[in-house]
Amino acid sequence: RLVKYMDKWYKETTHFRSVGMRTLFLSVVYIEHLQDILPDFELNIYNVHRLFLISMLIAAKYTEDYPISNKYWAKVGGISKEQVNNLESVFCCMSEFNLYVADDELKTLYDEYKPPSVIKPAE
């Protein structure tokens, strides 16, 4: 279900094309991990956009040499910088600051999704 949102968001959002595919997939894994840690947490139409925005921000900070500022993420997400800062903090705490994802887990997600317009990452 999350992949459906990710695909729609990626197709409609041209200003985030600078974010790498590894970052995009990491953000999905982060949300899946959060759902594993908090089984009662429900992903729905009311929280998916902010959750995806914050998971992208965290994944970008984890993987990119020069991550995008929280101010920019706030502008793109249509929320205040304070909300972005708060959501980032809450997300990291809820996920127990465990941001490492094994390459095998990313490859499994990639194999499940297989977007046609993306070149497969090197093995």
Foldseek 3Di string as FASTA:
>chain_A
DLLVVLVVCVVPDPVPPVQDPQLLLLLVVLVVLLCVLPVVDDDDPVCSLVSSLLSSQVSCVVPPPDGDDLCVSCVVSVHHSVVSVVVNVVSCVSSVVPSDDDPVVSVVVCVVNVDVVDDDDDD
